[in-house]
Every structure is written in C-alpha cells, then in structure tokens.
mmCIF file of all heavy atoms, coordinates in Angstrom:
data_MODEL
# 
_entry.id   MODEL 
# 
loop_
_atom_site.group_PDB 
_atom_site.id 
_atom_site.type_symbol 
_atom_site.label_atom_id 
_atom_site.label_alt_id 
_atom_site.label_comp_id 
_atom_site.label_asym_id 
_atom_site.label_entity_id 
_atom_site.label_seq_id 
_atom_site.pdbx_PDB_ins_code 
_atom_site.Cartn_x 
_atom_site.Cartn_y 
_atom_site.Cartn_z 
_atom_site.occupancy 
_atom_site.B_iso_or_equiv 
_atom_site.pdbx_formal_charge 
_atom_site.auth_seq_id 
_atom_site.auth_comp_id 
_atom_site.auth_asym_id 
_atom_site.auth_atom_id 
_atom_site.pdbx_PDB_model_num 
ATOM 1   N N   . GLU A 1 1  ? 97.905  111.488 83.166 1.00 0.00 ? 1  GLU A N   1 
ATOM 2   C CA  . GLU A 1 1  ? 97.900  112.040 84.520 1.00 0.00 ? 1  GLU A CA  1 
ATOM 3   C C   . GLU A 1 1  ? 97.868  110.936 85.568 1.00 0.00 ? 1  GLU A C   1 
ATOM 4   O O   . GLU A 1 1  ? 98.257  111.144 86.712 1.00 0.00 ? 1  GLU A O   1 
ATOM 5   C CB  . GLU A 1 1  ? 96.700  112.975 84.705 1.00 0.00 ? 1  GLU A CB  1 
ATOM 6   C CG  . GLU A 1 1  ? 96.665  114.145 83.746 1.00 0.00 ? 1  GLU A CG  1 
ATOM 7   C CD  . GLU A 1 1  ? 97.950  114.951 83.763 1.00 0.00 ? 1  GLU A CD  1 
ATOM 8   O OE1 . GLU A 1 1  ? 98.373  115.361 84.862 1.00 0.00 ? 1  GLU A OE1 1 
ATOM 9   O OE2 . GLU A 1 1  ? 98.545  115.153 82.689 1.00 0.00 ? 1  GLU A OE2 1 
ATOM 10  N N   . GLY A 1 2  ? 97.413  109.750 85.182 1.00 0.00 ? 2  GLY A N   1 
ATOM 11  C CA  . GLY A 1 2  ? 97.287  108.653 86.133 1.00 0.00 ? 2  GLY A CA  1 
ATOM 12  C C   . GLY A 1 2  ? 98.558  107.897 86.419 1.00 0.00 ? 2  GLY A C   1 
ATOM 13  O O   . GLY A 1 2  ? 98.565  106.953 87.221 1.00 0.00 ? 2  GLY A O   1 
ATOM 14  N N   . GLY A 1 3  ? 99.665  108.272 85.755 1.00 0.00 ? 3  GLY A N   1 
ATOM 15  C CA  . GLY A 1 3  ? 100.944 107.638 86.072 1.00 0.00 ? 3  GLY A CA  1 
ATOM 16  C C   . GLY A 1 3  ? 101.596 106.888 84.933 1.00 0.00 ? 3  GLY A C   1 
ATOM 17  O O   . GLY A 1 3  ? 102.411 106.000 85.155 1.00 0.00 ? 3  GLY A O   1 
ATOM 18  N N   . LEU A 1 4  ? 101.253 107.228 83.676 1.00 0.00 ? 4  LEU A N   1 
ATOM 19  C CA  . LEU A 1 4  ? 101.859 106.608 82.491 1.00 0.00 ? 4  LEU A CA  1 
ATOM 20  C C   . LEU A 1 4  ? 101.620 105.099 82.441 1.00 0.00 ? 4  LEU A C   1 
ATOM 21  O O   . LEU A 1 4  ? 102.493 104.333 82.024 1.00 0.00 ? 4  LEU A O   1 
ATOM 22  C CB  . LEU A 1 4  ? 103.361 106.917 82.407 1.00 0.00 ? 4  LEU A CB  1 
ATOM 23  C CG  . LEU A 1 4  ? 103.725 108.392 82.242 1.00 0.00 ? 4  LEU A CG  1 
ATOM 24  C CD1 . LEU A 1 4  ? 105.244 108.561 82.169 1.00 0.00 ? 4  LEU A CD1 1 
ATOM 25  C CD2 . LEU A 1 4  ? 103.080 108.997 81.006 1.00 0.00 ? 4  LEU A CD2 1 
ATOM 26  N N   . ASN A 1 5  ? 100.445 104.674 82.865 1.00 0.00 ? 5  ASN A N   1 
ATOM 27  C CA  . ASN A 1 5  ? 100.078 103.263 82.769 1.00 0.00 ? 5  ASN A CA  1 
ATOM 28  C C   . ASN A 1 5  ? 99.680  102.964 81.328 1.00 0.00 ? 5  ASN A C   1 
ATOM 29  O O   . ASN A 1 5  ? 98.705  103.525 80.822 1.00 0.00 ? 5  ASN A O   1 
ATOM 30  C CB  . ASN A 1 5  ? 98.910  102.958 83.707 1.00 0.00 ? 5  ASN A CB  1 
ATOM 31  C CG  . ASN A 1 5  ? 99.192  103.402 85.127 1.00 0.00 ? 5  ASN A CG  1 
ATOM 32  O OD1 . ASN A 1 5  ? 100.157 102.968 85.729 1.00 0.00 ? 5  ASN A OD1 1 
ATOM 33  N ND2 . ASN A 1 5  ? 98.355  104.294 85.658 1.00 0.00 ? 5  ASN A ND2 1 
ATOM 34  N N   . ALA A 1 6  ? 100.424 102.103 80.661 1.00 0.00 ? 6  ALA A N   1 
ATOM 35  C CA  . ALA A 1 6  ? 100.185 101.788 79.254 1.00 0.00 ? 6  ALA A CA  1 
ATOM 36  C C   . ALA A 1 6  ? 99.453  100.450 79.137 1.00 0.00 ? 6  ALA A C   1 
ATOM 37  O O   . ALA A 1 6  ? 99.956  99.418  79.595 1.00 0.00 ? 6  ALA A O   1 
ATOM 38  C CB  . ALA A 1 6  ? 101.500 101.733 78.490 1.00 0.00 ? 6  ALA A CB  1 
ATOM 39  N N   . ALA A 1 7  ? 98.286  100.481 78.523 1.00 0.00 ? 7  ALA A N   1 
ATOM 40  C CA  . ALA A 1 7  ? 97.528  99.246  78.322 1.00 0.00 ? 7  ALA A CA  1 
ATOM 41  C C   . ALA A 1 7  ? 98.177  98.410  77.228 1.00 0.00 ? 7  ALA A C   1 
ATOM 42  O O   . ALA A 1 7  ? 98.665  98.945  76.223 1.00 0.00 ? 7  ALA A O   1 
ATOM 43  C CB  . ALA A 1 7  ? 96.090  99.562  77.936 1.00 0.00 ? 7  ALA A CB  1 
ATOM 44  N N   . ARG A 1 8  ? 98.184  97.104  77.427 1.00 0.00 ? 8  ARG A N   1 
ATOM 45  C CA  . ARG A 1 8  ? 98.655  96.199  76.375 1.00 0.00 ? 8  ARG A CA  1 
ATOM 46  C C   . ARG A 1 8  ? 97.673  96.225  75.209 1.00 0.00 ? 8  ARG A C   1 
ATOM 47  O O   . ARG A 1 8  ? 96.469  96.398  75.378 1.00 0.00 ? 8  ARG A O   1 
ATOM 48  C CB  . ARG A 1 8  ? 98.783  94.782  76.925 1.00 0.00 ? 8  ARG A CB  1 
ATOM 49  C CG  . ARG A 1 8  ? 99.877  94.602  77.961 1.00 0.00 ? 8  ARG A CG  1 
ATOM 50  C CD  . ARG A 1 8  ? 99.733  93.276  78.676 1.00 0.00 ? 8  ARG A CD  1 
ATOM 51  N NE  . ARG A 1 8  ? 98.475  93.227  79.440 1.00 0.00 ? 8  ARG A NE  1 
ATOM 52  C CZ  . ARG A 1 8  ? 97.998  92.142  80.047 1.00 0.00 ? 8  ARG A CZ  1 
ATOM 53  N NH1 . ARG A 1 8  ? 98.666  91.007  79.969 1.00 0.00 ? 8  ARG A NH1 1 
ATOM 54  N NH2 . ARG A 1 8  ? 96.867  92.192  80.717 1.00 0.00 ? 8  ARG A NH2 1 
ATOM 55  N N   . PHE A 1 9  ? 98.221  96.030  74.007 1.00 0.00 ? 9  PHE A N   1 
ATOM 56  C CA  . PHE A 1 9  ? 97.362  96.024  72.823 1.00 0.00 ? 9  PHE A CA  1 
ATOM 57  C C   . PHE A 1 9  ? 96.346  94.881  72.899 1.00 0.00 ? 9  PHE A C   1 
ATOM 58  O O   . PHE A 1 9  ? 95.199  95.035  72.475 1.00 0.00 ? 9  PHE A O   1 
ATOM 59  C CB  . PHE A 1 9  ? 98.204  95.902  71.557 1.00 0.00 ? 9  PHE A CB  1 
ATOM 60  C CG  . PHE A 1 9  ? 99.201  97.028  71.389 1.00 0.00 ? 9  PHE A CG  1 
ATOM 61  C CD1 . PHE A 1 9  ? 100.415 96.803  70.745 1.00 0.00 ? 9  PHE A CD1 1 
ATOM 62  C CD2 . PHE A 1 9  ? 98.939  98.299  71.874 1.00 0.00 ? 9  PHE A CD2 1 
ATOM 63  C CE1 . PHE A 1 9  ? 101.332 97.830  70.584 1.00 0.00 ? 9  PHE A CE1 1 
ATOM 64  C CE2 . PHE A 1 9  ? 99.849  99.332  71.722 1.00 0.00 ? 9  PHE A CE2 1 
ATOM 65  C CZ  . PHE A 1 9  ? 101.051 99.094  71.072 1.00 0.00 ? 9  PHE A CZ  1 
ATOM 66  N N   . SER A 1 10 ? 96.747  93.751  73.445 1.00 0.00 ? 10 SER A N   1 
ATOM 67  C CA  . SER A 1 10 ? 95.827  92.619  73.570 1.00 0.00 ? 10 SER A CA  1 
ATOM 68  C C   . SER A 1 10 ? 94.673  92.964  74.504 1.00 0.00 ? 10 SER A C   1 
ATOM 69  O O   . SER A 1 10 ? 93.527  92.547  74.274 1.00 0.00 ? 10 SER A O   1 
ATOM 70  C CB  . SER A 1 10 ? 96.572  91.381  74.081 1.00 0.00 ? 10 SER A CB  1 
ATOM 71  O OG  . SER A 1 10 ? 97.165  91.634  75.350 1.00 0.00 ? 10 SER A OG  1 
ATOM 72  N N   . TRP A 1 11 ? 94.966  93.733  75.550 1.00 0.00 ? 11 TRP A N   1 
ATOM 73  C CA  . TRP A 1 11 ? 93.921  94.158  76.495 1.00 0.00 ? 11 TRP A CA  1 
ATOM 74  C C   . TRP A 1 11 ? 92.930  95.084  75.811 1.00 0.00 ? 11 TRP A C   1 
ATOM 75  O O   . TRP A 1 11 ? 91.708  94.949  75.977 1.00 0.00 ? 11 TRP A O   1 
ATOM 76  C CB  . TRP A 1 11 ? 94.587  94.845  77.687 1.00 0.00 ? 11 TRP A CB  1 
ATOM 77  C CG  . TRP A 1 11 ? 93.667  95.179  78.837 1.00 0.00 ? 11 TRP A CG  1 
ATOM 78  C CD1 . TRP A 1 11 ? 93.310  94.372  79.876 1.00 0.00 ? 11 TRP A CD1 1 
ATOM 79  C CD2 . TRP A 1 11 ? 93.028  96.440  79.079 1.00 0.00 ? 11 TRP A CD2 1 
ATOM 80  N NE1 . TRP A 1 11 ? 92.479  95.039  80.746 1.00 0.00 ? 11 TRP A NE1 1 
ATOM 81  C CE2 . TRP A 1 11 ? 92.290  96.316  80.282 1.00 0.00 ? 11 TRP A CE2 1 
ATOM 82  C CE3 . TRP A 1 11 ? 92.997  97.656  78.397 1.00 0.00 ? 11 TRP A CE3 1 
ATOM 83  C CZ2 . TRP A 1 11 ? 91.535  97.369  80.816 1.00 0.00 ? 11 TRP A CZ2 1 
ATOM 84  C CZ3 . TRP A 1 11 ? 92.245  98.704  78.925 1.00 0.00 ? 11 TRP A CZ3 1 
ATOM 85  C CH2 . TRP A 1 11 ? 91.524  98.557  80.116 1.00 0.00 ? 11 TRP A CH2 1 
ATOM 86  N N   . LEU A 1 12 ? 93.448  96.015  75.013 1.00 0.00 ? 12 LEU A N   1 
ATOM 87  C CA  . LEU A 1 12 ? 92.581  96.940  74.288 1.00 0.00 ? 12 LEU A CA  1 
ATOM 88  C C   . LEU A 1 12 ? 91.673  96.200  73.305 1.00 0.00 ? 12 LEU A C   1 
ATOM 89  O O   . LEU A 1 12 ? 90.487  96.531  73.163 1.00 0.00 ? 12 LEU A O   1 
ATOM 90  C CB  . LEU A 1 12 ? 93.429  97.977  73.546 1.00 0.00 ? 12 LEU A CB  1 
ATOM 91  C CG  . LEU A 1 12 ? 94.237  98.938  74.435 1.00 0.00 ? 12 LEU A CG  1 
ATOM 92  C CD1 . LEU A 1 12 ? 95.224  99.739  73.589 1.00 0.00 ? 12 LEU A CD1 1 
ATOM 93  C CD2 . LEU A 1 12 ? 93.308  99.859  75.215 1.00 0.00 ? 12 LEU A CD2 1 
ATOM 94  N N   . LYS A 1 13 ? 92.224  95.190  72.632 1.00 0.00 ? 13 LYS A N   1 
ATOM 95  C CA  . LYS A 1 13 ? 91.423  94.385  71.705 1.00 0.00 ? 13 LYS A CA  1 
ATOM 96  C C   . LYS A 1 13 ? 90.294  93.680  72.447 1.00 0.00 ? 13 LYS A C   1 
ATOM 97  O O   . LYS A 1 13 ? 89.164  93.577  71.945 1.00 0.00 ? 13 LYS A O   1 
ATOM 98  C CB  . LYS A 1 13 ? 92.304  93.362  70.990 1.00 0.00 ? 13 LYS A CB  1 
ATOM 99  C CG  . LYS A 1 13 ? 93.213  93.929  69.936 1.00 0.00 ? 13 LYS A CG  1 
ATOM 100 C CD  . LYS A 1 13 ? 92.451  94.358  68.683 1.00 0.00 ? 13 LYS A CD  1 
ATOM 101 C CE  . LYS A 1 13 ? 91.959  93.168  67.896 1.00 0.00 ? 13 LYS A CE  1 
ATOM 102 N NZ  . LYS A 1 13 ? 91.266  93.599  66.640 1.00 0.00 ? 13 LYS A NZ  1 
ATOM 103 N N   . LYS A 1 14 ? 90.587  93.165  73.633 1.00 0.00 ? 14 LYS A N   1 
ATOM 104 C CA  . LYS A 1 14 ? 89.564  92.462  74.410 1.00 0.00 ? 14 LYS A CA  1 
ATOM 105 C C   . LYS A 1 14 ? 88.472  93.421  74.882 1.00 0.00 ? 14 LYS A C   1 
ATOM 106 O O   . LYS A 1 14 ? 87.295  93.058  74.918 1.00 0.00 ? 14 LYS A O   1 
ATOM 107 C CB  . LYS A 1 14 ? 90.213  91.739  75.594 1.00 0.00 ? 14 LYS A CB  1 
ATOM 108 C CG  . LYS A 1 14 ? 91.044  90.544  75.175 1.00 0.00 ? 14 LYS A CG  1 
ATOM 109 C CD  . LYS A 1 14 ? 91.829  89.962  76.352 1.00 0.00 ? 14 LYS A CD  1 
ATOM 110 C CE  . LYS A 1 14 ? 92.714  88.801  75.900 1.00 0.00 ? 14 LYS A CE  1 
ATOM 111 N NZ  . LYS A 1 14 ? 93.576  88.292  77.008 1.00 0.00 ? 14 LYS A NZ  1 
ATOM 112 N N   . ILE A 1 15 ? 88.859  94.641  75.249 1.00 0.00 ? 15 ILE A N   1 
ATOM 113 C CA  . ILE A 1 15 ? 87.860  95.645  75.629 1.00 0.00 ? 15 ILE A CA  1 
ATOM 114 C C   . ILE A 1 15 ? 86.947  95.951  74.454 1.00 0.00 ? 15 ILE A C   1 
ATOM 115 O O   . ILE A 1 15 ? 85.718  96.038  74.600 1.00 0.00 ? 15 ILE A O   1 
ATOM 116 C CB  . ILE A 1 15 ? 88.542  96.934  76.134 1.00 0.00 ? 15 ILE A CB  1 
ATOM 117 C CG1 . ILE A 1 15 ? 89.299  96.677  77.441 1.00 0.00 ? 15 ILE A CG1 1 
ATOM 118 C CG2 . ILE A 1 15 ? 87.515  98.048  76.309 1.00 0.00 ? 15 ILE A CG2 1 
ATOM 119 C CD1 . ILE A 1 15 ? 88.419  96.384  78.639 1.00 0.00 ? 15 ILE A CD1 1 
ATOM 120 N N   . GLU A 1 16 ? 87.538  96.106  73.271 1.00 0.00 ? 16 GLU A N   1 
ATOM 121 C CA  . GLU A 1 16 ? 86.732  96.357  72.077 1.00 0.00 ? 16 GLU A CA  1 
ATOM 122 C C   . GLU A 1 16 ? 85.754  95.221  71.834 1.00 0.00 ? 16 GLU A C   1 
ATOM 123 O O   . GLU A 1 16 ? 84.581  95.444  71.492 1.00 0.00 ? 16 GLU A O   1 
ATOM 124 C CB  . GLU A 1 16 ? 87.630  96.556  70.852 1.00 0.00 ? 16 GLU A CB  1 
ATOM 125 C CG  . GLU A 1 16 ? 86.851  96.858  69.581 1.00 0.00 ? 16 GLU A CG  1 
ATOM 126 C CD  . GLU A 1 16 ? 87.740  96.922  68.350 1.00 0.00 ? 16 GLU A CD  1 
ATOM 127 O OE1 . GLU A 1 16 ? 88.508  95.969  68.122 1.00 0.00 ? 16 GLU A OE1 1 
ATOM 128 O OE2 . GLU A 1 16 ? 87.659  97.921  67.604 1.00 0.00 ? 16 GLU A OE2 1 
ATOM 129 N N   . GLN A 1 17 ? 86.208  93.988  72.004 1.00 0.00 ? 17 GLN A N   1 
ATOM 130 C CA  . GLN A 1 17 ? 85.343  92.832  71.787 1.00 0.00 ? 17 GLN A CA  1 
ATOM 131 C C   . GLN A 1 17 ? 84.188  92.799  72.794 1.00 0.00 ? 17 GLN A C   1 
ATOM 132 O O   . GLN A 1 17 ? 83.041  92.493  72.436 1.00 0.00 ? 17 GLN A O   1 
ATOM 133 C CB  . GLN A 1 17 ? 86.160  91.540  71.893 1.00 0.00 ? 17 GLN A CB  1 
ATOM 134 C CG  . GLN A 1 17 ? 85.384  90.278  71.537 1.00 0.00 ? 17 GLN A CG  1 
ATOM 135 C CD  . GLN A 1 17 ? 84.810  90.310  70.135 1.00 0.00 ? 17 GLN A CD  1 
ATOM 136 O OE1 . GLN A 1 17 ? 85.467  90.766  69.189 1.00 0.00 ? 17 GLN A OE1 1 
ATOM 137 N NE2 . GLN A 1 17 ? 83.567  89.840  69.982 1.00 0.00 ? 17 GLN A NE2 1 
ATOM 138 N N   . ILE A 1 18 ? 84.481  93.117  74.046 1.00 0.00 ? 18 ILE A N   1 
ATOM 139 C CA  . ILE A 1 18 ? 83.433  93.193  75.063 1.00 0.00 ? 18 ILE A CA  1 
ATOM 140 C C   . ILE A 1 18 ? 82.377  94.228  74.670 1.00 0.00 ? 18 ILE A C   1 
ATOM 141 O O   . ILE A 1 18 ? 81.165  93.994  74.806 1.00 0.00 ? 18 ILE A O   1 
ATOM 142 C CB  . ILE A 1 18 ? 84.048  93.531  76.441 1.00 0.00 ? 18 ILE A CB  1 
ATOM 143 C CG1 . ILE A 1 18 ? 84.835  92.340  76.974 1.00 0.00 ? 18 ILE A CG1 1 
ATOM 144 C CG2 . ILE A 1 18 ? 82.967  93.949  77.442 1.00 0.00 ? 18 ILE A CG2 1 
ATOM 145 C CD1 . ILE A 1 18 ? 85.652  92.657  78.216 1.00 0.00 ? 18 ILE A CD1 1 
ATOM 146 N N   . CYS A 1 19 ? 82.829  95.368  74.190 1.00 0.00 ? 19 CYS A N   1 
ATOM 147 C CA  . CYS A 1 19 ? 81.898  96.414  73.759 1.00 0.00 ? 19 CYS A CA  1 
ATOM 148 C C   . CYS A 1 19 ? 80.981  95.915  72.639 1.00 0.00 ? 19 CYS A C   1 
ATOM 149 O O   . CYS A 1 19 ? 79.771  96.162  72.654 1.00 0.00 ? 19 CYS A O   1 
ATOM 150 C CB  . CYS A 1 19 ? 82.670  97.646  73.308 1.00 0.00 ? 19 CYS A CB  1 
ATOM 151 S SG  . CYS A 1 19 ? 83.433  98.576  74.660 1.00 0.00 ? 19 CYS A SG  1 
ATOM 152 N N   . LYS A 1 20 ? 81.555  95.207  71.682 1.00 0.00 ? 20 LYS A N   1 
ATOM 153 C CA  . LYS A 1 20 ? 80.756  94.691  70.575 1.00 0.00 ? 20 LYS A CA  1 
ATOM 154 C C   . LYS A 1 20 ? 79.742  93.660  71.058 1.00 0.00 ? 20 LYS A C   1 
ATOM 155 O O   . LYS A 1 20 ? 78.587  93.645  70.611 1.00 0.00 ? 20 LYS A O   1 
ATOM 156 C CB  . LYS A 1 20 ? 81.674  94.088  69.509 1.00 0.00 ? 20 LYS A CB  1 
ATOM 157 C CG  . LYS A 1 20 ? 82.489  95.123  68.741 1.00 0.00 ? 20 LYS A CG  1 
ATOM 158 C CD  . LYS A 1 20 ? 83.424  94.465  67.734 1.00 0.00 ? 20 LYS A CD  1 
ATOM 159 C CE  . LYS A 1 20 ? 84.214  95.500  66.948 1.00 0.00 ? 20 LYS A CE  1 
ATOM 160 N NZ  . LYS A 1 20 ? 85.181  94.870  65.998 1.00 0.00 ? 20 LYS A NZ  1 
ATOM 161 N N   . GLU A 1 21 ? 80.160  92.803  71.962 1.00 0.00 ? 21 GLU A N   1 
ATOM 162 C CA  . GLU A 1 21 ? 79.275  91.741  72.465 1.00 0.00 ? 21 GLU A CA  1 
ATOM 163 C C   . GLU A 1 21 ? 78.079  92.298  73.226 1.00 0.00 ? 21 GLU A C   1 
ATOM 164 O O   . GLU A 1 21 ? 76.986  91.722  73.202 1.00 0.00 ? 21 GLU A O   1 
ATOM 165 C CB  . GLU A 1 21 ? 80.058  90.788  73.362 1.00 0.00 ? 21 GLU A CB  1 
ATOM 166 C CG  . GLU A 1 21 ? 81.059  89.926  72.617 1.00 0.00 ? 21 GLU A CG  1 
ATOM 167 C CD  . GLU A 1 21 ? 81.952  89.122  73.547 1.00 0.00 ? 21 GLU A CD  1 
ATOM 168 O OE1 . GLU A 1 21 ? 81.795  89.262  74.793 1.00 0.00 ? 21 GLU A OE1 1 
ATOM 169 O OE2 . GLU A 1 21 ? 82.812  88.370  73.048 1.00 0.00 ? 21 GLU A OE2 1 
ATOM 170 N N   . HIS A 1 22 ? 78.259  93.425  73.905 1.00 0.00 ? 22 HIS A N   1 
ATOM 171 C CA  . HIS A 1 22 ? 77.198  93.981  74.746 1.00 0.00 ? 22 HIS A CA  1 
ATOM 172 C C   . HIS A 1 22 ? 76.574  95.246  74.163 1.00 0.00 ? 22 HIS A C   1 
ATOM 173 O O   . HIS A 1 22 ? 75.797  95.919  74.850 1.00 0.00 ? 22 HIS A O   1 
ATOM 174 C CB  . HIS A 1 22 ? 77.750  94.277  76.140 1.00 0.00 ? 22 HIS A CB  1 
ATOM 175 C CG  . HIS A 1 22 ? 78.138  93.061  76.918 1.00 0.00 ? 22 HIS A CG  1 
ATOM 176 N ND1 . HIS A 1 22 ? 77.241  92.356  77.694 1.00 0.00 ? 22 HIS A ND1 1 
ATOM 177 C CD2 . HIS A 1 22 ? 79.326  92.408  77.031 1.00 0.00 ? 22 HIS A CD2 1 
ATOM 178 C CE1 . HIS A 1 22 ? 77.867  91.335  78.260 1.00 0.00 ? 22 HIS A CE1 1 
ATOM 179 N NE2 . HIS A 1 22 ? 79.134  91.339  77.875 1.00 0.00 ? 22 HIS A NE2 1 
ATOM 180 N N   . ASN A 1 23 ? 76.906  95.581  72.916 1.00 0.00 ? 23 ASN A N   1 
ATOM 181 C CA  . ASN A 1 23 ? 76.393  96.800  72.277 1.00 0.00 ? 23 ASN A CA  1 
ATOM 182 C C   . ASN A 1 23 ? 76.701  98.047  73.111 1.00 0.00 ? 23 ASN A C   1 
ATOM 183 O O   . ASN A 1 23 ? 75.842  98.900  73.348 1.00 0.00 ? 23 ASN A O   1 
ATOM 184 C CB  . ASN A 1 23 ? 74.891  96.683  72.027 1.00 0.00 ? 23 ASN A CB  1 
ATOM 185 C CG  . ASN A 1 23 ? 74.559  95.594  71.028 1.00 0.00 ? 23 ASN A CG  1 
ATOM 186 O OD1 . ASN A 1 23 ? 75.201  95.496  69.974 1.00 0.00 ? 23 ASN A OD1 1 
ATOM 187 N ND2 . ASN A 1 23 ? 73.574  94.764  71.337 1.00 0.00 ? 23 ASN A ND2 1 
ATOM 188 N N   . ILE A 1 24 ? 77.946  98.119  73.566 1.00 0.00 ? 24 ILE A N   1 
ATOM 189 C CA  . ILE A 1 24 ? 78.449  99.260  74.320 1.00 0.00 ? 24 ILE A CA  1 
ATOM 190 C C   . ILE A 1 24 ? 79.353  100.074 73.398 1.00 0.00 ? 24 ILE A C   1 
ATOM 191 O O   . ILE A 1 24 ? 80.146  99.511  72.632 1.00 0.00 ? 24 ILE A O   1 
ATOM 192 C CB  . ILE A 1 24 ? 79.259  98.783  75.544 1.00 0.00 ? 24 ILE A CB  1 
ATOM 193 C CG1 . ILE A 1 24 ? 78.394  97.920  76.470 1.00 0.00 ? 24 ILE A CG1 1 
ATOM 194 C CG2 . ILE A 1 24 ? 79.870  99.953  76.299 1.00 0.00 ? 24 ILE A CG2 1 
ATOM 195 C CD1 . ILE A 1 24 ? 79.198  97.153  77.511 1.00 0.00 ? 24 ILE A CD1 1 
ATOM 196 N N   . LEU A 1 25 ? 79.259  101.391 73.443 1.00 0.00 ? 25 LEU A N   1 
ATOM 197 C CA  . LEU A 1 25 ? 80.147  102.211 72.623 1.00 0.00 ? 25 LEU A CA  1 
ATOM 198 C C   . LEU A 1 25 ? 81.528  102.301 73.284 1.00 0.00 ? 25 LEU A C   1 
ATOM 199 O O   . LEU A 1 25 ? 81.631  102.430 74.506 1.00 0.00 ? 25 LEU A O   1 
ATOM 200 C CB  . LEU A 1 25 ? 79.585  103.622 72.443 1.00 0.00 ? 25 LEU A CB  1 
ATOM 201 C CG  . LEU A 1 25 ? 78.211  103.749 71.777 1.00 0.00 ? 25 LEU A CG  1 
ATOM 202 C CD1 . LEU A 1 25 ? 77.948  105.209 71.411 1.00 0.00 ? 25 LEU A CD1 1 
ATOM 203 C CD2 . LEU A 1 25 ? 78.092  102.870 70.553 1.00 0.00 ? 25 LEU A CD2 1 
ATOM 204 N N   . LEU A 1 26 ? 82.558  102.240 72.470 1.00 0.00 ? 26 LEU A N   1 
ATOM 205 C CA  . LEU A 1 26 ? 83.935  102.366 72.952 1.00 0.00 ? 26 LEU A CA  1 
ATOM 206 C C   . LEU A 1 26 ? 84.432  103.781 72.650 1.00 0.00 ? 26 LEU A C   1 
ATOM 207 O O   . LEU A 1 26 ? 84.471  104.198 71.488 1.00 0.00 ? 26 LEU A O   1 
ATOM 208 C CB  . LEU A 1 26 ? 84.845  101.346 72.284 1.00 0.00 ? 26 LEU A CB  1 
ATOM 209 C CG  . LEU A 1 26 ? 86.343  101.449 72.626 1.00 0.00 ? 26 LEU A CG  1 
ATOM 210 C CD1 . LEU A 1 26 ? 86.584  101.309 74.121 1.00 0.00 ? 26 LEU A CD1 1 
ATOM 211 C CD2 . LEU A 1 26 ? 87.154  100.414 71.851 1.00 0.00 ? 26 LEU A CD2 1 
ATOM 212 N N   . ILE A 1 27 ? 84.791  104.508 73.702 1.00 0.00 ? 27 ILE A N   1 
ATOM 213 C CA  . ILE A 1 27 ? 85.341  105.860 73.577 1.00 0.00 ? 27 ILE A CA  1 
ATOM 214 C C   . ILE A 1 27 ? 86.820  105.822 73.955 1.00 0.00 ? 27 ILE A C   1 
ATOM 215 O O   . ILE A 1 27 ? 87.167  105.356 75.042 1.00 0.00 ? 27 ILE A O   1 
ATOM 216 C CB  . ILE A 1 27 ? 84.619  106.856 74.511 1.00 0.00 ? 27 ILE A CB  1 
ATOM 217 C CG1 . ILE A 1 27 ? 83.109  106.868 74.251 1.00 0.00 ? 27 ILE A CG1 1 
ATOM 218 C CG2 . ILE A 1 27 ? 85.197  108.264 74.342 1.00 0.00 ? 27 ILE A CG2 1 
ATOM 219 C CD1 . ILE A 1 27 ? 82.321  107.672 75.291 1.00 0.00 ? 27 ILE A CD1 1 
ATOM 220 N N   . VAL A 1 28 ? 87.671  106.294 73.079 1.00 0.00 ? 28 VAL A N   1 
ATOM 221 C CA  . VAL A 1 28 ? 89.094  106.436 73.401 1.00 0.00 ? 28 VAL A CA  1 
ATOM 222 C C   . VAL A 1 28 ? 89.408  107.914 73.592 1.00 0.00 ? 28 VAL A C   1 
ATOM 223 O O   . VAL A 1 28 ? 89.191  108.731 72.689 1.00 0.00 ? 28 VAL A O   1 
ATOM 224 C CB  . VAL A 1 28 ? 90.001  105.827 72.315 1.00 0.00 ? 28 VAL A CB  1 
ATOM 225 C CG1 . VAL A 1 28 ? 91.460  106.209 72.571 1.00 0.00 ? 28 VAL A CG1 1 
ATOM 226 C CG2 . VAL A 1 28 ? 89.865  104.313 72.293 1.00 0.00 ? 28 VAL A CG2 1 
ATOM 227 N N   . ASP A 1 29 ? 89.860  108.251 74.770 1.00 0.00 ? 29 ASP A N   1 
ATOM 228 C CA  . ASP A 1 29 ? 90.319  109.600 75.086 1.00 0.00 ? 29 ASP A CA  1 
ATOM 229 C C   . ASP A 1 29 ? 91.779  109.693 74.648 1.00 0.00 ? 29 ASP A C   1 
ATOM 230 O O   . ASP A 1 29 ? 92.676  109.223 75.334 1.00 0.00 ? 29 ASP A O   1 
ATOM 231 C CB  . ASP A 1 29 ? 90.163  109.849 76.587 1.00 0.00 ? 29 ASP A CB  1 
ATOM 232 C CG  . ASP A 1 29 ? 90.680  111.215 77.020 1.00 0.00 ? 29 ASP A CG  1 
ATOM 233 O OD1 . ASP A 1 29 ? 91.413  111.851 76.248 1.00 0.00 ? 29 ASP A OD1 1 
ATOM 234 O OD2 . ASP A 1 29 ? 90.368  111.622 78.160 1.00 0.00 ? 29 ASP A OD2 1 
# 
C-alpha cells in the first residue's frame, strides 16, 4: 500500500543483524 517500495536483500540482512545485536524481535508482515 505504501507504493511498491522493495527493500534490498542486503538491507533486510542488516536489519536482522541489528535485531540480533540489540535483542529486538524481527517481525515480517
């Protein structure tokens, strides 16, 4: 709904790594 903005796979990997480093849960809608 936000305009078909596609995240790069490298960006998604970095988000996952940030979550692991800070003990944050990663939710994918």
